[in-house]
C-alpha atoms as a PDB file:
ATOM      1  CA  MET A   1      97.973  71.258  87.138  1.00  0.00           C
ATOM      2  CA  VAL A   2      98.727  67.643  86.329  1.00  0.00           C
ATOM      3  CA  PHE A   3     102.178  66.015  86.335  1.00  0.00           C
ATOM      4  CA  ASP A   4     103.047  63.240  83.877  1.00  0.00           C
ATOM      5  CA  PRO A   5     105.851  61.193  85.496  1.00  0.00           C
ATOM      6  CA  ILE A   6     106.691  59.423  82.234  1.00  0.00           C
ATOM      7  CA  THR A   7     107.483  62.634  80.322  1.00  0.00           C
ATOM      8  CA  SER A   8     108.296  64.797  83.404  1.00  0.00           C
ATOM      9  CA  ILE A   9     105.966  67.492  82.066  1.00  0.00           C
ATOM     10  CA  TRP A  10     103.424  69.543  84.019  1.00  0.00           C
ATOM     11  CA  ARG A  11     100.233  70.334  82.112  1.00  0.00           C
ATOM     12  CA  ILE A  12      98.230  73.400  83.113  1.00  0.00           C
ATOM     13  CA  ASN A  13      94.646  73.619  81.835  1.00  0.00           C
ATOM     14  CA  PHE A  14      93.169  77.118  81.630  1.00  0.00           C
ATOM     15  CA  PRO A  15      89.465  77.950  81.777  1.00  0.00           C
ATOM     16  CA  ASP A  16      88.477  80.769  79.390  1.00  0.00           C
ATOM     17  CA  PRO A  17      88.781  83.687  81.861  1.00  0.00           C
ATOM     18  CA  TRP A  18      92.432  82.826  82.662  1.00  0.00           C
ATOM     19  CA  ARG A  19      93.628  82.927  79.064  1.00  0.00           C
ATOM     20  CA  ASN A  20      95.500  85.922  77.637  1.00  0.00           C
ATOM     21  CA  GLY A  21      97.650  86.398  80.735  1.00  0.00           C
ATOM     22  CA  GLU A  22     101.027  85.181  81.921  1.00  0.00           C
ATOM     23  CA  MET A  23     102.567  82.344  83.890  1.00  0.00           C
ATOM     24  CA  VAL A  24     105.604  83.023  86.076  1.00  0.00           C
ATOM     25  CA  MET A  25     107.643  80.381  87.921  1.00  0.00           C
ATOM     26  CA  TYR A  26     109.684  81.337  91.001  1.00  0.00           C
ATOM     27  CA  ASP A  27     112.192  79.387  93.062  1.00  0.00           C
ATOM     28  CA  LEU A  28     111.796  79.268  96.854  1.00  0.00           C
ATOM     29  CA  GLN A  29     113.945  82.397  97.232  1.00  0.00           C
ATOM     30  CA  GLY A  30     111.479  84.339  95.057  1.00  0.00           C
ATOM     31  CA  LYS A  31     113.760  84.517  92.009  1.00  0.00           C
ATOM     32  CA  GLU A  32     111.907  84.387  88.675  1.00  0.00           C
ATOM     33  CA  VAL A  33     113.099  81.328  86.742  1.00  0.00           C
ATOM     34  CA  LEU A  34     110.557  81.167  83.902  1.00  0.00           C
ATOM     35  CA  LYS A  35     107.962  83.467  82.374  1.00  0.00           C
ATOM     36  CA  LYS A  36     105.509  82.574  79.587  1.00  0.00           C
ATOM     37  CA  THR A  37     102.605  84.345  77.953  1.00  0.00           C
ATOM     38  CA  ILE A  38      99.280  82.533  78.131  1.00  0.00           C
ATOM     39  CA  SER A  39      97.610  82.626  74.745  1.00  0.00           C
ATOM     40  CA  ASN A  40      94.160  81.443  73.717  1.00  0.00           C
ATOM     41  CA  ASP A  41      95.271  77.809  74.008  1.00  0.00           C
ATOM     42  CA  PRO A  42      93.346  75.928  76.685  1.00  0.00           C
ATOM     43  CA  PHE A  43      96.560  74.443  78.139  1.00  0.00           C
ATOM     44  CA  MET A  44     100.299  74.962  78.624  1.00  0.00           C
ATOM     45  CA  GLU A  45     103.022  72.365  79.154  1.00  0.00           C
ATOM     46  CA  LEU A  46     106.047  72.955  81.381  1.00  0.00           C
ATOM     47  CA  SER A  47     109.105  70.753  81.005  1.00  0.00           C
ATOM     48  CA  THR A  48     111.654  70.016  83.711  1.00  0.00           C
ATOM     49  CA  PRO A  49     113.637  73.047  84.910  1.00  0.00           C
ATOM     50  CA  VAL A  50     117.422  73.113  84.929  1.00  0.00           C
ATOM     51  CA  ILE A  51     117.567  72.282  88.652  1.00  0.00           C
ATOM     52  CA  PRO A  52     115.039  69.874  90.196  1.00  0.00           C
ATOM     53  CA  GLY A  53     113.372  71.235  93.332  1.00  0.00           C
ATOM     54  CA  SER A  54     110.374  73.169  94.628  1.00  0.00           C
ATOM     55  CA  TYR A  55     108.889  76.089  92.723  1.00  0.00           C
ATOM     56  CA  PHE A  56     105.892  78.399  92.884  1.00  0.00           C
ATOM     57  CA  VAL A  57     103.842  78.817  89.712  1.00  0.00           C
ATOM     58  CA  GLU A  58     101.804  82.010  89.500  1.00  0.00           C
ATOM     59  CA  ILE A  59      99.098  82.532  86.886  1.00  0.00           C
ATOM     60  CA  ARG A  60      97.944  86.098  86.190  1.00  0.00           C
ATOM     61  CA  GLY A  61      94.957  86.804  83.999  1.00  0.00           C
ATOM     62  CA  GLU A  62      91.695  88.672  83.697  1.00  0.00           C
ATOM     63  CA  MET A  63      90.348  86.797  86.738  1.00  0.00           C
ATOM     64  CA  GLY A  64      93.227  87.866  89.010  1.00  0.00           C
ATOM     65  CA  LYS A  65      96.117  85.783  90.386  1.00  0.00           C
ATOM     66  CA  TRP A  66      96.422  82.126  91.298  1.00  0.00           C
ATOM     67  CA  SER A  67      99.521  80.302  92.566  1.00  0.00           C
ATOM     68  CA  GLU A  68     100.535  76.788  93.492  1.00  0.00           C
ATOM     69  CA  LYS A  69     103.693  75.134  94.781  1.00  0.00           C
ATOM     70  CA  ILE A  70     105.081  72.316  92.638  1.00  0.00           C
ATOM     71  CA  VAL A  71     107.950  69.883  93.225  1.00  0.00           C
ATOM     72  CA  TRP A  72     110.020  68.468  90.393  1.00  0.00           C
END
């Protein structure tokens, strides 16, 4: 994941095995705030959420699960 401070957009690059899955963003209380399907595109862009703060991004795909904490 790479953050562009000029556009305030996170860019997630997916290797082939992670495509065709889903990305879910949770707040620190575990509430789902965003869910997107991962298509065959090699990347996904996430724009600023409604409320700035800390979030967990979870990627689920054929390779399993991966998560990372991000701060907006």
